[in-house]
Amino acid sequence: MGLLLAYLIIIAKGSGSTSNKEFAHYLNIAHRSVFENANILVVLERRKVISDNVLIHYLE
C-alpha cells in the first residue's frame, strides 16, 4: 500500500500542473518509479530476503 500511495501522490502533484507537458512529466516520474521498485523486489528475492510468492504477489 505504501508504494501505491507514493505513486498516487506523484500523480496528484502532477494534476495540479498548469500544462499537459508538465502533467506528463509527473506521470513519467510515477511510471519510472514503478519499474524501480519492481527491480528492488527482484533483487530482494534473489538475495532471499523475500520469497518467490511475495515477489509474485507484488508484481501481479
PDB file of N, CA and C in Angstrom:
ATOM      1  N   MET A   1       0.819  -1.200   0.000  1.00  0.00           N
ATOM      2  CA  MET A   1       0.000   0.000   0.000  1.00  0.00           C
ATOM      3  C   MET A   1       0.858   1.257   0.000  1.00  0.00           C
ATOM      4  N   GLY A   2       2.012   1.191   0.661  1.00  0.00           N
ATOM      5  CA  GLY A   2       2.885   2.357   0.739  1.00  0.00           C
ATOM      6  C   GLY A   2       3.385   2.804  -0.617  1.00  0.00           C
ATOM      7  N   LEU A   3       3.788   1.836  -1.459  1.00  0.00           N
ATOM      8  CA  LEU A   3       4.272   2.196  -2.786  1.00  0.00           C
ATOM      9  C   LEU A   3       3.157   2.765  -3.642  1.00  0.00           C
ATOM     10  N   LEU A   4       2.003   2.161  -3.564  1.00  0.00           N
ATOM     11  CA  LEU A   4       0.867   2.667  -4.325  1.00  0.00           C
ATOM     12  C   LEU A   4       0.555   4.098  -3.919  1.00  0.00           C
ATOM     13  N   LEU A   5       0.588   4.361  -2.643  1.00  0.00           N
ATOM     14  CA  LEU A   5       0.316   5.715  -2.158  1.00  0.00           C
ATOM     15  C   LEU A   5       1.348   6.698  -2.699  1.00  0.00           C
ATOM     16  N   ALA A   6       2.603   6.290  -2.747  1.00  0.00           N
ATOM     17  CA  ALA A   6       3.651   7.169  -3.277  1.00  0.00           C
ATOM     18  C   ALA A   6       3.366   7.518  -4.736  1.00  0.00           C
ATOM     19  N   TYR A   7       2.948   6.525  -5.538  1.00  0.00           N
ATOM     20  CA  TYR A   7       2.642   6.791  -6.939  1.00  0.00           C
ATOM     21  C   TYR A   7       1.456   7.733  -7.068  1.00  0.00           C
ATOM     22  N   LEU A   8       0.445   7.509  -6.239  1.00  0.00           N
ATOM     23  CA  LEU A   8      -0.743   8.365  -6.292  1.00  0.00           C
ATOM     24  C   LEU A   8      -0.407   9.803  -5.903  1.00  0.00           C
ATOM     25  N   ILE A   9       0.510   9.966  -4.961  1.00  0.00           N
ATOM     26  CA  ILE A   9       0.924  11.314  -4.555  1.00  0.00           C
ATOM     27  C   ILE A   9       1.636  12.013  -5.705  1.00  0.00           C
ATOM     28  N   ILE A  10       2.518  11.294  -6.398  1.00  0.00           N
ATOM     29  CA  ILE A  10       3.211  11.883  -7.545  1.00  0.00           C
ATOM     30  C   ILE A  10       2.211  12.313  -8.603  1.00  0.00           C
ATOM     31  N   ILE A  11       1.239  11.462  -8.893  1.00  0.00           N
ATOM     32  CA  ILE A  11       0.229  11.794  -9.898  1.00  0.00           C
ATOM     33  C   ILE A  11      -0.626  12.967  -9.432  1.00  0.00           C
ATOM     34  N   ALA A  12      -0.954  12.993  -8.148  1.00  0.00           N
ATOM     35  CA  ALA A  12      -1.741  14.111  -7.611  1.00  0.00           C
ATOM     36  C   ALA A  12      -0.986  15.430  -7.748  1.00  0.00           C
ATOM     37  N   LYS A  13       0.316  15.400  -7.487  1.00  0.00           N
ATOM     38  CA  LYS A  13       1.127  16.611  -7.686  1.00  0.00           C
ATOM     39  C   LYS A  13       1.020  17.071  -9.131  1.00  0.00           C
ATOM     40  N   GLY A  14       1.125  16.118 -10.041  1.00  0.00           N
ATOM     41  CA  GLY A  14       1.069  16.452 -11.452  1.00  0.00           C
ATOM     42  C   GLY A  14      -0.282  16.977 -11.891  1.00  0.00           C
ATOM     43  N   SER A  15      -1.341  16.552 -11.215  1.00  0.00           N
ATOM     44  CA  SER A  15      -2.678  17.004 -11.614  1.00  0.00           C
ATOM     45  C   SER A  15      -2.875  18.489 -11.349  1.00  0.00           C
ATOM     46  N   GLY A  16      -2.012  19.046 -10.520  1.00  0.00           N
ATOM     47  CA  GLY A  16      -2.060  20.487 -10.291  1.00  0.00           C
ATOM     48  C   GLY A  16      -1.209  21.268 -11.277  1.00  0.00           C
ATOM     49  N   SER A  17      -0.681  20.592 -12.266  1.00  0.00           N
ATOM     50  CA  SER A  17       0.173  21.231 -13.271  1.00  0.00           C
ATOM     51  C   SER A  17      -0.610  22.222 -14.099  1.00  0.00           C
ATOM     52  N   THR A  18       0.126  23.170 -14.636  1.00  0.00           N
ATOM     53  CA  THR A  18      -0.516  24.200 -15.455  1.00  0.00           C
ATOM     54  C   THR A  18      -0.490  23.863 -16.943  1.00  0.00           C
ATOM     55  N   SER A  19       0.193  22.768 -17.304  1.00  0.00           N
ATOM     56  CA  SER A  19       0.238  22.385 -18.711  1.00  0.00           C
ATOM     57  C   SER A  19       0.223  20.869 -18.843  1.00  0.00           C
ATOM     58  N   ASN A  20      -0.176  20.409 -20.011  1.00  0.00           N
ATOM     59  CA  ASN A  20      -0.171  18.969 -20.280  1.00  0.00           C
ATOM     60  C   ASN A  20       1.243  18.416 -20.241  1.00  0.00           C
ATOM     61  N   LYS A  21       2.212  19.210 -20.717  1.00  0.00           N
ATOM     62  CA  LYS A  21       3.601  18.771 -20.724  1.00  0.00           C
ATOM     63  C   LYS A  21       4.096  18.543 -19.296  1.00  0.00           C
ATOM     64  N   GLU A  22       3.763  19.444 -18.401  1.00  0.00           N
ATOM     65  CA  GLU A  22       4.183  19.302 -17.003  1.00  0.00           C
ATOM     66  C   GLU A  22       3.495  18.091 -16.360  1.00  0.00           C
ATOM     67  N   PHE A  23       2.207  17.896 -16.632  1.00  0.00           N
ATOM     68  CA  PHE A  23       1.488  16.743 -16.093  1.00  0.00           C
ATOM     69  C   PHE A  23       2.104  15.445 -16.612  1.00  0.00           C
ATOM     70  N   ALA A  24       2.438  15.406 -17.902  1.00  0.00           N
ATOM     71  CA  ALA A  24       3.071  14.227 -18.491  1.00  0.00           C
ATOM     72  C   ALA A  24       4.396  13.929 -17.801  1.00  0.00           C
ATOM     73  N   HIS A  25       5.101  14.967 -17.406  1.00  0.00           N
ATOM     74  CA  HIS A  25       6.366  14.796 -16.687  1.00  0.00           C
ATOM     75  C   HIS A  25       6.131  14.035 -15.378  1.00  0.00           C
ATOM     76  N   TYR A  26       5.110  14.406 -14.629  1.00  0.00           N
ATOM     77  CA  TYR A  26       4.807  13.727 -13.364  1.00  0.00           C
ATOM     78  C   TYR A  26       4.350  12.284 -13.601  1.00  0.00           C
ATOM     79  N   LEU A  27       3.583  12.055 -14.658  1.00  0.00           N
ATOM     80  CA  LEU A  27       3.186  10.683 -14.984  1.00  0.00           C
ATOM     81  C   LEU A  27       4.410   9.836 -15.326  1.00  0.00           C
ATOM     82  N   ASN A  28       5.363  10.432 -16.015  1.00  0.00           N
ATOM     83  CA  ASN A  28       6.594   9.725 -16.357  1.00  0.00           C
ATOM     84  C   ASN A  28       7.383   9.375 -15.097  1.00  0.00           C
ATOM     85  N   ILE A  29       7.438  10.279 -14.142  1.00  0.00           N
ATOM     86  CA  ILE A  29       8.127  10.005 -12.872  1.00  0.00           C
ATOM     87  C   ILE A  29       7.466   8.825 -12.167  1.00  0.00           C
ATOM     88  N   ALA A  30       6.140   8.834 -12.095  1.00  0.00           N
ATOM     89  CA  ALA A  30       5.417   7.735 -11.445  1.00  0.00           C
ATOM     90  C   ALA A  30       5.664   6.420 -12.174  1.00  0.00           C
ATOM     91  N   HIS A  31       5.650   6.456 -13.490  1.00  0.00           N
ATOM     92  CA  HIS A  31       5.872   5.257 -14.304  1.00  0.00           C
ATOM     93  C   HIS A  31       7.261   4.685 -14.053  1.00  0.00           C
ATOM     94  N   ARG A  32       8.275   5.528 -14.032  1.00  0.00           N
ATOM     95  CA  ARG A  32       9.646   5.066 -13.786  1.00  0.00           C
ATOM     96  C   ARG A  32       9.790   4.527 -12.369  1.00  0.00           C
ATOM     97  N   SER A  33       9.089   5.123 -11.422  1.00  0.00           N
ATOM     98  CA  SER A  33       9.154   4.657 -10.032  1.00  0.00           C
ATOM     99  C   SER A  33       8.627   3.234  -9.893  1.00  0.00           C
ATOM    100  N   VAL A  34       7.608   2.902 -10.668  1.00  0.00           N
ATOM    101  CA  VAL A  34       7.068   1.543 -10.649  1.00  0.00           C
ATOM    102  C   VAL A  34       8.154   0.546 -11.053  1.00  0.00           C
ATOM    103  N   PHE A  35       8.878   0.849 -12.116  1.00  0.00           N
ATOM    104  CA  PHE A  35       9.934  -0.046 -12.578  1.00  0.00           C
ATOM    105  C   PHE A  35      11.095  -0.122 -11.582  1.00  0.00           C
ATOM    106  N   GLU A  36      11.437   0.994 -10.970  1.00  0.00           N
ATOM    107  CA  GLU A  36      12.499   0.989  -9.967  1.00  0.00           C
ATOM    108  C   GLU A  36      12.149   0.076  -8.795  1.00  0.00           C
ATOM    109  N   ASN A  37      10.926   0.188  -8.331  1.00  0.00           N
ATOM    110  CA  ASN A  37      10.513  -0.617  -7.182  1.00  0.00           C
ATOM    111  C   ASN A  37      10.343  -2.087  -7.540  1.00  0.00           C
ATOM    112  N   ALA A  38       9.903  -2.369  -8.750  1.00  0.00           N
ATOM    113  CA  ALA A  38       9.826  -3.765  -9.194  1.00  0.00           C
ATOM    114  C   ALA A  38      11.221  -4.371  -9.217  1.00  0.00           C
ATOM    115  N   ASN A  39      12.199  -3.606  -9.671  1.00  0.00           N
ATOM    116  CA  ASN A  39      13.574  -4.092  -9.698  1.00  0.00           C
ATOM    117  C   ASN A  39      14.092  -4.360  -8.288  1.00  0.00           C
ATOM    118  N   ILE A  40      13.761  -3.506  -7.350  1.00  0.00           N
ATOM    119  CA  ILE A  40      14.174  -3.717  -5.956  1.00  0.00           C
ATOM    120  C   ILE A  40      13.595  -5.024  -5.433  1.00  0.00           C
ATOM    121  N   LEU A  41      12.333  -5.299  -5.755  1.00  0.00           N
ATOM    122  CA  LEU A  41      11.707  -6.549  -5.316  1.00  0.00           C
ATOM    123  C   LEU A  41      12.426  -7.762  -5.895  1.00  0.00           C
ATOM    124  N   VAL A  42      12.813  -7.691  -7.164  1.00  0.00           N
ATOM    125  CA  VAL A  42      13.529  -8.806  -7.793  1.00  0.00           C
ATOM    126  C   VAL A  42      14.876  -9.024  -7.098  1.00  0.00           C
ATOM    127  N   VAL A  43      15.572  -7.943  -6.804  1.00  0.00           N
ATOM    128  CA  VAL A  43      16.866  -8.058  -6.097  1.00  0.00           C
ATOM    129  C   VAL A  43      16.657  -8.683  -4.722  1.00  0.00           C
ATOM    130  N   LEU A  44      15.637  -8.246  -4.005  1.00  0.00           N
ATOM    131  CA  LEU A  44      15.365  -8.809  -2.676  1.00  0.00           C
ATOM    132  C   LEU A  44      15.047 -10.295  -2.755  1.00  0.00           C
ATOM    133  N   GLU A  45      14.317 -10.692  -3.797  1.00  0.00           N
ATOM    134  CA  GLU A  45      14.001 -12.113  -3.960  1.00  0.00           C
ATOM    135  C   GLU A  45      15.259 -12.913  -4.279  1.00  0.00           C
ATOM    136  N   ARG A  46      16.109 -12.389  -5.136  1.00  0.00           N
ATOM    137  CA  ARG A  46      17.344 -13.103  -5.493  1.00  0.00           C
ATOM    138  C   ARG A  46      18.299 -13.223  -4.313  1.00  0.00           C
ATOM    139  N   ARG A  47      18.242 -12.255  -3.417  1.00  0.00           N
ATOM    140  CA  ARG A  47      19.077 -12.313  -2.206  1.00  0.00           C
ATOM    141  C   ARG A  47      18.395 -13.082  -1.078  1.00  0.00           C
ATOM    142  N   LYS A  48      17.242 -13.648  -1.375  1.00  0.00           N
ATOM    143  CA  LYS A  48      16.475 -14.466  -0.432  1.00  0.00           C
ATOM    144  C   LYS A  48      15.967 -13.673   0.781  1.00  0.00           C
ATOM    145  N   VAL A  49      15.740 -12.386   0.566  1.00  0.00           N
ATOM    146  CA  VAL A  49      15.166 -11.552   1.623  1.00  0.00           C
ATOM    147  C   VAL A  49      13.645 -11.713   1.623  1.00  0.00           C
ATOM    148  N   ILE A  50      13.088 -11.911   0.435  1.00  0.00           N
ATOM    149  CA  ILE A  50      11.660 -12.194   0.309  1.00  0.00           C
ATOM    150  C   ILE A  50      11.502 -13.482  -0.498  1.00  0.00           C
ATOM    151  N   SER A  51      10.372 -14.135  -0.357  1.00  0.00           N
ATOM    152  CA  SER A  51      10.131 -15.403  -1.051  1.00  0.00           C
ATOM    153  C   SER A  51       9.628 -15.157  -2.472  1.00  0.00           C
ATOM    154  N   ASP A  52       9.645 -16.226  -3.265  1.00  0.00           N
ATOM    155  CA  ASP A  52       9.092 -16.170  -4.619  1.00  0.00           C
ATOM    156  C   ASP A  52       7.632 -15.754  -4.584  1.00  0.00           C
ATOM    157  N   ASN A  53       6.899 -16.285  -3.617  1.00  0.00           N
ATOM    158  CA  ASN A  53       5.468 -15.969  -3.514  1.00  0.00           C
ATOM    159  C   ASN A  53       5.225 -14.498  -3.238  1.00  0.00           C
ATOM    160  N   VAL A  54       6.042 -13.918  -2.389  1.00  0.00           N
ATOM    161  CA  VAL A  54       5.905 -12.494  -2.080  1.00  0.00           C
ATOM    162  C   VAL A  54       6.201 -11.670  -3.337  1.00  0.00           C
ATOM    163  N   LEU A  55       7.257 -12.046  -4.048  1.00  0.00           N
ATOM    164  CA  LEU A  55       7.611 -11.336  -5.288  1.00  0.00           C
ATOM    165  C   LEU A  55       6.456 -11.389  -6.281  1.00  0.00           C
ATOM    166  N   ILE A  56       5.928 -12.563  -6.502  1.00  0.00           N
ATOM    167  CA  ILE A  56       4.828 -12.728  -7.450  1.00  0.00           C
ATOM    168  C   ILE A  56       3.613 -11.919  -7.006  1.00  0.00           C
ATOM    169  N   HIS A  57       3.338 -11.927  -5.720  1.00  0.00           N
ATOM    170  CA  HIS A  57       2.186 -11.177  -5.183  1.00  0.00           C
ATOM    171  C   HIS A  57       2.299  -9.696  -5.529  1.00  0.00           C
ATOM    172  N   TYR A  58       3.467  -9.134  -5.311  1.00  0.00           N
ATOM    173  CA  TYR A  58       3.634  -7.689  -5.551  1.00  0.00           C
ATOM    174  C   TYR A  58       3.786  -7.327  -7.015  1.00  0.00           C
ATOM    175  N   LEU A  59       4.239  -8.249  -7.839  1.00  0.00           N
ATOM    176  CA  LEU A  59       4.414  -7.937  -9.249  1.00  0.00           C
ATOM    177  C   LEU A  59       3.157  -8.176 -10.076  1.00  0.00           C
ATOM    178  N   GLU A  60       2.156  -8.820  -9.495  1.00  0.00           N
ATOM    179  CA  GLU A  60       0.917  -9.063 -10.249  1.00  0.00           C
ATOM    180  C   GLU A  60       0.097  -7.807 -10.405  1.00  0.00           C
TER     181      GLU A  60
END
